[in-house]
Protein backbone atom coordinates (compact mmCIF):
# COMPACT_ATOMS: atom_id res chain seq x y z
CA UNK A 1 0.00 0.00 0.00
CA UNK A 2 2.84 2.41 0.93
CA UNK A 3 4.56 1.66 -2.38
CA UNK A 4 1.34 2.45 -4.26
CA UNK A 5 0.94 5.75 -2.43
CA UNK A 6 4.54 6.69 -3.18
CA UNK A 7 4.00 5.84 -6.84
CA UNK A 8 0.84 7.93 -6.90
CA UNK A 9 2.65 10.91 -5.38
CA UNK A 10 5.52 10.53 -7.84
CA UNK A 11 3.12 10.47 -10.80
CA UNK A 12 1.28 13.51 -9.43
CA UNK A 13 4.54 15.41 -8.92
CA UNK A 14 5.75 14.48 -12.39
CA UNK A 15 2.49 15.72 -13.91
CA UNK A 16 2.77 19.03 -12.03
CA UNK A 17 6.38 19.55 -13.14
CA UNK A 18 5.46 18.61 -16.72
CA UNK A 19 2.46 20.96 -16.73
CA UNK A 20 4.55 23.81 -15.35
CA UNK A 21 7.30 23.13 -17.88
CA UNK A 22 4.83 23.78 -20.71
CA UNK A 23 4.06 27.27 -19.41
CA UNK A 24 6.09 30.05 -21.08
CA UNK A 25 8.57 32.15 -19.13
CA UNK A 26 7.71 35.85 -19.07
CA UNK A 27 9.93 38.84 -18.38
CA UNK A 28 8.38 41.36 -15.97
CA UNK A 29 9.60 43.99 -13.52
CA UNK A 30 11.73 42.04 -11.08
CA UNK A 31 12.77 39.12 -13.26
CA UNK A 32 11.56 36.01 -15.06
CA UNK A 33 8.16 34.59 -14.20
CA UNK A 34 6.29 31.37 -14.95
CA UNK A 35 2.66 30.61 -14.23
CA UNK A 36 0.91 27.31 -13.61
CA UNK A 37 -2.24 25.72 -15.05
CA UNK A 38 -5.35 26.84 -13.20
CA UNK A 39 -8.32 24.65 -12.30
CA UNK A 40 -10.12 25.70 -15.47
CA UNK A 41 -8.89 24.28 -18.75
CA UNK A 42 -7.14 26.84 -20.90
CA UNK A 43 -6.41 29.25 -18.02
CA UNK A 44 -3.00 30.06 -16.56
CA UNK A 45 -2.69 31.55 -13.09
CA UNK A 46 0.21 33.53 -11.63
CA UNK A 47 0.08 33.72 -7.84
CA UNK A 48 2.11 35.88 -5.50
CA UNK A 49 3.83 38.27 -7.93
CA UNK A 50 5.61 41.07 -6.03
CA UNK A 51 4.53 44.49 -7.34
CA UNK A 52 6.61 46.53 -4.86
CA UNK A 53 9.39 46.04 -2.34
CA UNK A 54 8.37 44.61 1.04
CA UNK A 55 7.21 47.60 3.17
CA UNK A 56 9.17 46.51 6.23
CA UNK A 57 11.82 48.07 8.46
CA UNK A 58 12.59 51.61 7.32
CA UNK A 59 9.99 51.22 4.54
CA UNK A 60 7.13 50.87 7.03
CA UNK A 61 4.83 53.90 6.60
CA UNK A 62 6.52 54.96 3.38
CA UNK A 63 5.20 55.02 -0.16
CA UNK A 64 5.79 51.67 -1.92
CA UNK A 65 9.22 51.24 -3.48
CA UNK A 66 10.18 49.41 -6.72
CA UNK A 67 10.23 45.62 -6.82
CA UNK A 68 13.43 43.98 -5.62
CA UNK A 69 14.78 41.83 -8.50
CA UNK A 70 14.97 38.07 -8.01
CA UNK A 71 17.32 35.53 -9.57
CA UNK A 72 16.28 32.68 -11.82
CA UNK A 73 12.72 31.87 -12.83
CA UNK A 74 10.04 32.55 -10.21
CA UNK A 75 7.33 29.90 -10.47
CA UNK A 76 4.21 31.78 -9.38
CA UNK A 77 2.27 28.90 -7.85
CA UNK A 78 1.59 30.19 -4.32
CA UNK A 79 -0.44 33.16 -3.08
CA UNK A 80 1.59 35.68 -1.11
CA UNK A 81 1.04 36.38 2.60
CA UNK A 82 -1.97 38.52 3.47
CA UNK A 83 -1.83 41.85 5.36
CA UNK A 84 -1.92 41.87 9.15
CA UNK A 85 -5.54 41.95 10.37
CA UNK A 86 -7.97 40.50 12.87
CA UNK A 87 -9.12 36.87 12.69
CA UNK A 88 -12.13 37.18 10.37
CA UNK A 89 -13.32 33.63 11.04
CA UNK A 90 -14.70 34.92 14.35
CA UNK A 91 -17.08 37.38 12.69
CA UNK A 92 -20.77 36.57 12.96
CA UNK A 93 -22.09 36.44 9.39
CA UNK A 94 -18.90 36.84 7.39
CA UNK A 95 -16.93 34.32 9.44
CA UNK A 96 -19.14 31.46 8.31
CA UNK A 97 -19.75 32.93 4.86
CA UNK A 98 -16.23 33.76 3.71
CA UNK A 99 -13.61 32.73 6.31
CA UNK A 100 -14.72 29.40 7.75
CA UNK A 101 -11.42 27.81 6.65
CA UNK A 102 -9.43 30.18 8.83
CA UNK A 103 -6.86 32.80 7.93
CA UNK A 104 -3.81 32.40 5.66
CA UNK A 105 -0.32 33.43 6.75
CA UNK A 106 -0.14 37.13 7.65
CA UNK A 107 2.91 39.28 7.06
CA UNK A 108 3.92 42.91 6.75
CA UNK A 109 5.58 41.74 3.52
CA UNK A 110 2.24 41.55 1.68
CA UNK A 111 2.47 43.56 -1.55
CA UNK A 112 1.73 40.77 -4.01
CA UNK A 113 -0.75 40.38 -6.86
CA UNK A 114 -2.32 37.46 -8.74
CA UNK A 115 -3.22 37.14 -12.41
CA UNK A 116 -5.60 34.76 -14.24
CA UNK A 117 -5.20 34.85 -18.01
CA UNK A 118 -6.22 32.70 -20.99
CA UNK A 119 -3.29 30.36 -21.65
CA UNK A 120 -3.45 31.14 -25.37
CA UNK A 121 -2.91 34.85 -24.68
CA UNK A 122 0.02 34.10 -22.36
CA UNK A 123 1.67 31.98 -25.04
CA UNK A 124 0.86 33.97 -28.16
CA UNK A 125 0.17 37.47 -26.89
CA UNK A 126 -2.89 39.60 -27.40
CA UNK A 127 -4.72 42.77 -26.42
CA UNK A 128 -7.25 41.41 -23.95
CA UNK A 129 -9.15 43.66 -21.54
CA UNK A 130 -7.89 43.69 -17.96
CA UNK A 131 -9.86 43.90 -14.70
CA UNK A 132 -8.07 45.05 -11.53
CA UNK A 133 -10.01 44.05 -8.39
CA UNK A 134 -9.74 45.96 -5.09
CA UNK A 135 -11.12 43.93 -2.19
CA UNK A 136 -13.21 45.42 0.61
CA UNK A 137 -13.00 45.10 4.38
CA UNK A 138 -13.36 48.60 5.88
CA UNK A 139 -9.65 49.16 5.09
CA UNK A 140 -8.94 46.96 8.12
CA UNK A 141 -9.30 43.43 6.80
CA UNK A 142 -9.71 41.31 3.67
CA UNK A 143 -7.21 39.95 1.14
CA UNK A 144 -6.71 39.19 -2.54
CA UNK A 145 -7.32 35.44 -2.49
CA UNK A 146 -10.48 35.20 -0.41
CA UNK A 147 -12.65 32.19 -1.17
CA UNK A 148 -15.06 34.24 -3.29
CA UNK A 149 -12.38 35.67 -5.60
CA UNK A 150 -11.24 33.66 -8.60
CA UNK A 151 -10.35 34.57 -12.16
CA UNK A 152 -11.08 31.32 -13.99
CA UNK A 153 -14.58 32.31 -15.12
CA UNK A 154 -13.30 35.73 -16.17
CA UNK A 155 -10.37 34.35 -18.18
CA UNK A 156 -12.69 31.84 -19.85
CA UNK A 157 -14.69 34.84 -21.05
CA UNK A 158 -11.62 36.61 -22.42
CA UNK A 159 -10.83 39.03 -19.59
CA UNK A 160 -7.60 38.98 -17.57
CA UNK A 161 -8.34 39.31 -13.85
CA UNK A 162 -5.83 40.77 -11.39
CA UNK A 163 -6.26 40.79 -7.59
CA UNK A 164 -3.81 42.22 -5.06
CA UNK A 165 -3.10 42.88 -1.41
CA UNK A 166 -2.52 46.29 0.12
CA UNK A 167 -1.55 47.47 3.61
CA UNK A 168 -4.44 47.74 6.06
CA UNK A 169 -5.31 49.25 9.43
CA UNK A 170 -2.61 51.24 11.21
CA UNK A 171 0.05 49.83 8.86
CA UNK A 172 -1.82 51.27 5.89
CA UNK A 173 -3.22 54.51 7.27
CA UNK A 174 -1.39 55.72 10.39
CA UNK A 175 -0.73 59.44 10.20
CA UNK A 176 1.82 61.27 12.32
CA UNK A 177 3.59 64.60 12.05
CA UNK A 178 6.96 62.86 12.43
CA UNK A 179 6.17 60.74 9.37
CA UNK A 180 5.12 63.82 7.41
CA UNK A 181 8.30 65.67 8.29
CA UNK A 182 10.60 62.70 7.74
CA UNK A 183 13.50 63.26 5.36
CA UNK A 184 12.64 61.85 1.94
CA UNK A 185 8.91 61.90 2.63
CA UNK A 186 6.62 63.09 -0.18
CA UNK A 187 3.95 64.18 2.30
CA UNK A 188 1.95 60.94 2.06
CA UNK A 189 1.55 60.33 5.76
CA UNK A 190 -1.61 58.32 6.28
CA UNK A 191 -2.40 57.12 2.74
CA UNK A 192 0.07 54.27 2.29
CA UNK A 193 -2.62 51.78 1.27
CA UNK A 194 -3.84 54.12 -1.47
CA UNK A 195 -0.32 54.39 -2.85
CA UNK A 196 -0.10 50.60 -2.77
CA UNK A 197 -3.16 50.57 -5.02
CA UNK A 198 -1.58 53.10 -7.35
CA UNK A 199 1.60 50.99 -7.41
CA UNK A 200 -0.41 47.88 -8.32
CA UNK A 201 -2.21 49.76 -11.10
CA UNK A 202 1.11 51.09 -12.39
CA UNK A 203 2.68 47.61 -12.31
CA UNK A 204 -0.24 46.21 -14.29
CA UNK A 205 0.00 48.95 -16.91
CA UNK A 206 3.74 48.39 -17.25
CA UNK A 207 3.68 44.58 -17.40
CA UNK A 208 0.29 43.23 -18.46
CA UNK A 209 1.29 43.10 -22.14
CA UNK A 210 3.50 40.12 -21.26
CA UNK A 211 0.34 38.24 -20.20
CA UNK A 212 -1.60 39.13 -23.35
CA UNK A 213 -3.38 42.11 -21.83
CA UNK A 214 -4.08 45.62 -23.11
CA UNK A 215 -2.57 48.28 -20.80
CA UNK A 216 -4.92 50.85 -22.31
CA UNK A 217 -8.03 48.85 -21.41
CA UNK A 218 -7.91 48.42 -17.64
CA UNK A 219 -11.12 48.35 -15.63
CA UNK A 220 -10.64 49.14 -11.95
CA UNK A 221 -13.39 47.69 -9.76
CA UNK A 222 -14.02 47.06 -6.11
CA UNK A 223 -16.63 46.47 -3.42
CA UNK A 224 -17.29 48.29 -0.13
CA UNK A 225 -13.93 49.78 0.95
CA UNK A 226 -12.68 48.59 -2.44
CA UNK A 227 -15.41 50.70 -4.06
CA UNK A 228 -14.34 53.72 -2.01
CA UNK A 229 -10.82 53.05 -3.25
CA UNK A 230 -12.07 53.06 -6.85
CA UNK A 231 -13.82 56.36 -6.14
CA UNK A 232 -10.57 57.81 -4.83
CA UNK A 233 -8.56 56.59 -7.82
CA UNK A 234 -10.96 57.96 -10.45
CA UNK A 235 -10.86 61.31 -8.62
CA UNK A 236 -7.05 61.50 -8.47
CA UNK A 237 -5.11 63.46 -11.14
CA UNK A 238 -2.33 60.88 -10.71
CA UNK A 239 -4.41 58.23 -12.52
CA UNK A 240 -5.28 60.25 -15.61
CA UNK A 241 -4.93 58.03 -18.68
CA UNK A 242 -4.45 54.88 -16.59
CA UNK A 243 -8.04 53.70 -16.10
CA UNK A 244 -10.39 52.92 -18.99
CA UNK A 245 -13.52 51.93 -17.03
CA UNK A 246 -14.66 51.61 -13.43
CA UNK A 247 -17.13 49.49 -11.44
CA UNK A 248 -18.24 50.72 -8.00
CA UNK A 249 -19.98 48.05 -5.88
CA UNK A 250 -21.69 48.96 -2.60
CA UNK A 251 -19.62 52.11 -2.17
CA UNK A 252 -22.38 54.68 -2.50
CA UNK A 253 -22.49 57.64 -4.83
CA UNK A 254 -23.15 61.33 -4.20
CA UNK A 255 -24.22 62.24 -0.67
CA UNK A 256 -23.61 65.77 0.69
CA UNK A 257 -23.65 64.32 4.22
CA UNK A 258 -20.38 62.52 3.41
CA UNK A 259 -18.55 65.61 2.14
CA UNK A 260 -16.01 65.46 4.94
CA UNK A 261 -15.65 61.72 5.50
CA UNK A 262 -12.13 61.78 4.09
CA UNK A 263 -10.03 62.80 7.08
CA UNK A 264 -7.84 65.91 7.11
CA UNK A 265 -4.17 66.06 8.10
CA UNK A 266 -4.89 67.69 11.45
CA UNK A 267 -7.32 64.91 12.40
CA UNK A 268 -5.03 62.11 11.26
CA UNK A 269 -1.94 63.53 12.93
CA UNK A 270 -3.73 64.17 16.21
CA UNK A 271 -5.17 60.66 16.28
CA UNK A 272 -1.86 59.06 15.28
CA UNK A 273 0.09 60.96 17.91
CA UNK A 274 -2.49 60.07 20.59
CA UNK A 275 -2.22 56.40 19.62
CA UNK A 276 1.59 56.44 19.74
CA UNK A 277 1.52 58.18 23.13
CA UNK A 278 -0.85 55.45 24.37
CA UNK A 279 1.44 52.72 22.96
CA UNK A 280 4.57 54.32 24.42
CA UNK A 281 6.22 55.20 21.10
CA UNK A 282 8.11 58.50 21.17
CA UNK A 283 10.29 58.22 18.06
CA UNK A 284 10.03 56.87 14.52
CA UNK A 285 12.64 54.26 15.44
CA UNK A 286 10.39 52.93 18.22
CA UNK A 287 7.35 53.02 15.93
CA UNK A 288 9.14 50.99 13.26
CA UNK A 289 10.77 48.61 15.73
CA UNK A 290 7.39 47.41 17.03
CA UNK A 291 6.26 44.09 15.57
CA UNK A 292 3.04 44.00 13.52
CA UNK A 293 1.47 41.80 16.20
CA UNK A 294 2.35 44.35 18.88
CA UNK A 295 0.85 47.15 16.79
CA UNK A 296 -2.34 45.11 16.32
CA UNK A 297 -2.59 44.48 20.06
CA UNK A 298 -1.96 48.14 20.92
CA UNK A 299 -4.59 49.18 18.38
CA UNK A 300 -7.14 46.79 19.88
CA UNK A 301 -6.39 48.07 23.39
CA UNK A 302 -6.60 51.67 22.21
CA UNK A 303 -9.96 51.28 20.50
CA UNK A 304 -11.33 49.11 23.33
CA UNK A 305 -10.70 52.07 25.61
CA UNK A 306 -13.08 54.15 23.50
CA UNK A 307 -10.52 55.83 21.25
CA UNK A 308 -10.40 55.85 17.46
CA UNK A 309 -7.97 56.34 14.59
CA UNK A 310 -9.13 57.38 11.09
CA UNK A 311 -8.65 54.30 8.89
CA UNK A 312 -9.31 55.26 5.30
CA UNK A 313 -8.52 57.92 2.67
CA UNK A 314 -7.00 61.13 3.97
CA UNK A 315 -6.92 64.42 2.07
CA UNK A 316 -3.30 64.86 0.95
CA UNK A 317 -3.93 66.83 -2.27
CA UNK A 318 -1.97 64.20 -4.19
CA UNK A 319 -3.94 60.97 -4.40
CA UNK A 320 -6.91 62.24 -2.38
CA UNK A 321 -8.04 65.80 -2.93
CA UNK A 322 -11.32 65.59 -1.05
CA UNK A 323 -14.58 63.70 -0.96
CA UNK A 324 -15.88 61.70 -3.92
CA UNK A 325 -19.16 63.57 -3.56
CA UNK A 326 -17.40 66.88 -4.22
CA UNK A 327 -15.33 65.52 -7.11
CA UNK A 328 -18.25 63.82 -8.84
CA UNK A 329 -20.60 66.78 -8.28
CA UNK A 330 -18.07 69.14 -9.87
CA UNK A 331 -17.26 66.80 -12.78
CA UNK A 332 -13.70 66.29 -11.53
CA UNK A 333 -13.58 62.52 -11.95
CA UNK A 334 -12.36 60.54 -14.93
CA UNK A 335 -14.76 60.71 -17.88
CA UNK A 336 -15.01 56.97 -18.47
CA UNK A 337 -17.87 54.44 -18.51
CA UNK A 338 -19.10 53.51 -15.02
CA UNK A 339 -21.05 50.61 -13.58
CA UNK A 340 -22.34 51.33 -10.10
CA UNK A 341 -24.73 49.57 -7.73
CA UNK A 342 -25.49 48.02 -4.39
CA UNK A 343 -27.27 45.14 -2.70
CA UNK A 344 -30.72 45.33 -1.15
CA UNK A 345 -29.11 44.84 2.25
CA UNK A 346 -27.05 48.03 1.78
CA UNK A 347 -30.23 50.04 2.24
CA UNK A 348 -32.21 52.37 0.01
CA UNK A 349 -30.22 55.42 1.14
CA UNK A 350 -27.20 54.02 -0.66
CA UNK A 351 -29.30 53.27 -3.73
CA UNK A 352 -30.51 56.90 -3.66
CA UNK A 353 -26.92 58.19 -3.49
CA UNK A 354 -26.03 56.01 -6.48
CA UNK A 355 -28.94 57.44 -8.46
CA UNK A 356 -27.64 60.94 -7.65
CA UNK A 357 -24.25 59.94 -9.07
CA UNK A 358 -25.85 58.60 -12.24
CA UNK A 359 -27.88 61.80 -12.63
CA UNK A 360 -24.70 63.86 -12.21
CA UNK A 361 -22.88 61.93 -14.94
CA UNK A 362 -25.80 62.58 -17.28
CA UNK A 363 -25.93 66.26 -16.34
CA UNK A 364 -22.32 66.62 -17.44
CA UNK A 365 -22.97 64.44 -20.51
CA UNK A 366 -20.17 62.08 -19.58
CA UNK A 367 -19.57 58.55 -20.77
CA UNK A 368 -22.40 56.02 -20.10
CA UNK A 369 -23.23 54.95 -16.57
CA UNK A 370 -25.05 51.72 -15.67
CA UNK A 371 -26.97 51.34 -12.41
CA UNK A 372 -27.87 48.04 -10.70
CA UNK A 373 -29.43 46.63 -7.54
CA UNK A 374 -28.75 43.07 -6.35
CA UNK A 375 -31.90 41.78 -4.65
CA UNK A 376 -31.39 38.00 -4.50
CA UNK A 377 -32.00 36.81 -0.95
CA UNK A 378 -29.42 34.07 -0.62
CA UNK A 379 -30.78 30.60 0.24
CA UNK A 380 -29.83 28.75 3.42
CA UNK A 381 -30.63 31.33 6.10
CA UNK A 382 -32.38 34.66 6.60
CA UNK A 383 -29.35 36.91 5.89
CA UNK A 384 -31.04 38.10 2.69
CA UNK A 385 -29.30 40.11 -0.03
CA UNK A 386 -26.64 41.24 2.44
CA UNK A 387 -23.63 43.50 1.88
CA UNK A 388 -21.11 41.42 -0.18
CA UNK A 389 -23.71 38.79 -1.21
CA UNK A 390 -23.16 39.47 -4.92
CA UNK A 391 -19.50 38.42 -4.81
CA UNK A 392 -20.28 34.69 -5.17
CA UNK A 393 -22.20 35.47 -8.35
CA UNK A 394 -20.01 37.95 -10.23
CA UNK A 395 -16.88 35.84 -9.65
CA UNK A 396 -18.62 32.57 -10.54
CA UNK A 397 -17.65 30.81 -7.30
CA UNK A 398 -21.01 29.46 -6.11
CA UNK A 399 -19.56 25.95 -5.85
CA UNK A 400 -17.23 27.10 -3.06
CA UNK A 401 -20.10 28.23 -0.86
CA UNK A 402 -21.99 26.19 1.76
CA UNK A 403 -25.35 27.53 0.62
CA UNK A 404 -27.89 25.34 -1.27
CA UNK A 405 -27.80 27.33 -4.49
CA UNK A 406 -30.34 26.49 -7.18
CA UNK A 407 -30.13 26.36 -10.94
CA UNK A 408 -31.70 29.82 -10.84
CA UNK A 409 -28.70 31.04 -8.84
CA UNK A 410 -26.31 29.56 -11.37
CA UNK A 411 -28.16 31.22 -14.20
CA UNK A 412 -27.99 34.53 -12.33
CA UNK A 413 -24.25 34.05 -11.81
CA UNK A 414 -23.74 33.45 -15.55
CA UNK A 415 -25.74 36.57 -16.33
CA UNK A 416 -23.69 38.69 -13.94
CA UNK A 417 -20.39 37.27 -15.19
CA UNK A 418 -21.41 38.13 -18.73
CA UNK A 419 -22.41 41.66 -17.70
CA UNK A 420 -19.23 42.37 -15.74
CA UNK A 421 -16.87 40.96 -18.38
CA UNK A 422 -18.77 42.60 -21.26
CA UNK A 423 -18.41 45.93 -19.51
CA UNK A 424 -14.65 45.37 -19.29
CA UNK A 425 -14.54 44.58 -22.99
CA UNK A 426 -16.93 47.13 -24.46
CA UNK A 427 -17.86 49.63 -21.77
CA UNK A 428 -21.37 48.21 -21.92
CA UNK A 429 -22.67 45.19 -19.93
CA UNK A 430 -24.82 44.11 -22.88
CA UNK A 431 -21.81 43.36 -25.04
CA UNK A 432 -20.63 44.45 -28.44
CA UNK A 433 -24.14 45.10 -29.74
CA UNK A 434 -24.68 47.42 -26.74
CA UNK A 435 -28.40 46.77 -26.61
CA UNK A 436 -30.41 44.30 -24.58
CA UNK A 437 -31.21 43.60 -20.96
CA UNK A 438 -29.44 46.57 -19.33
CA UNK A 439 -30.05 50.14 -20.46
CA UNK A 440 -27.75 53.00 -19.47
CA UNK A 441 -29.05 55.53 -16.96
CA UNK A 442 -30.24 58.64 -18.83
CA UNK A 443 -32.15 61.85 -18.16
CA UNK A 444 -35.15 60.31 -19.85
CA UNK A 445 -34.91 56.85 -18.26
CA UNK A 446 -33.36 56.33 -14.80
CA UNK A 447 -32.98 52.62 -15.52
CA UNK A 448 -31.73 50.36 -12.73
CA UNK A 449 -30.97 46.72 -13.55
CA UNK A 450 -32.34 44.34 -10.90
CA UNK A 451 -30.33 41.16 -10.34
CA UNK A 452 -32.40 38.32 -8.88
CA UNK A 453 -33.36 34.75 -9.74
CA UNK A 454 -36.23 34.43 -12.21
């Protein structure tokens, strides 16, 4: 029996090595790279590609630096470590829904991305559309290879999917006057995660041609905090000419009440200095010498005592000039096609804000905007069409979920996959013909596409 098992393992290993050997070697920033066959036939996946230098030591709380070159051929067969964060498996709804298998390895060295591409495009080249996904998690948790995220279904439909990690929590957003005044600083204290996102976008533009992708046809999309990140990127002058289309999922739209939700320097510095005083850090050297685990513990103790630190975009007049509401209302966002929507569980206030955004785009006669509302109440419990429920569907990963999905759910997933990938290809979820089941939002018709089982 032991001999048989050893033979089986040897055959399996030989097949893996043989399969990998057939994959072409690509030259990207950092060195030579080789992908591996994905679960779907005809799809190659590249896991754990570094898009910046590890933000550790003296690079903690600095803008991301260029990739450190590696020697030889890097076989990209393993996802990189995820950012430091709380144990999500303990969360009430989301723990069971998305993190029941526990948490992967966490590390401050987390700036890695993953690419799913049609194998034919990797081997022979091409100009395929590219989708860059920004995960959610309140800027405090989440990661690029969560159970819901997968690019097989996207690559099968001719779109290259990229997911990536970025710094979170105090490691991604701590502001402090000492950091601002540090020699070599470019006044980015507090927005390190946003600059990680810009670095990932820049890496994709510079390297995606090697994977058969079109650097001039990149759709940036995200959900929840990822949607707020998309809103920040399309409002930033730094991204002009880099983003072709955008999808904003459960991130809201125009709401005057949120004009000041992006924190100002004075607020961020004051909160950061109060936190460091609480933790006993008096110098940058002490702040950077603390382990990530210690920082997490100090943060938990600090917030448990009733204190808070702004975790999210901060106005720095470089990558974040103010609120998305102000930028969109004044037509100071990228003039590109938009898809924007929410789930029923997000609440009708958010749907109203989204409609205001759509109306604004029409007022300024910008590129088309497509509005949606996901109303499918997921089977298996009474959680309903909760915040994040649509992720299983638009990534085509229903089979990974514990819920008793029906054929109606699978049909809905196929419909959403077609809509999302068509938008990446053509700027219209209906496809090349640009007519059909989803009309653009116009002054004459405030159309909102409802996604539910039939």
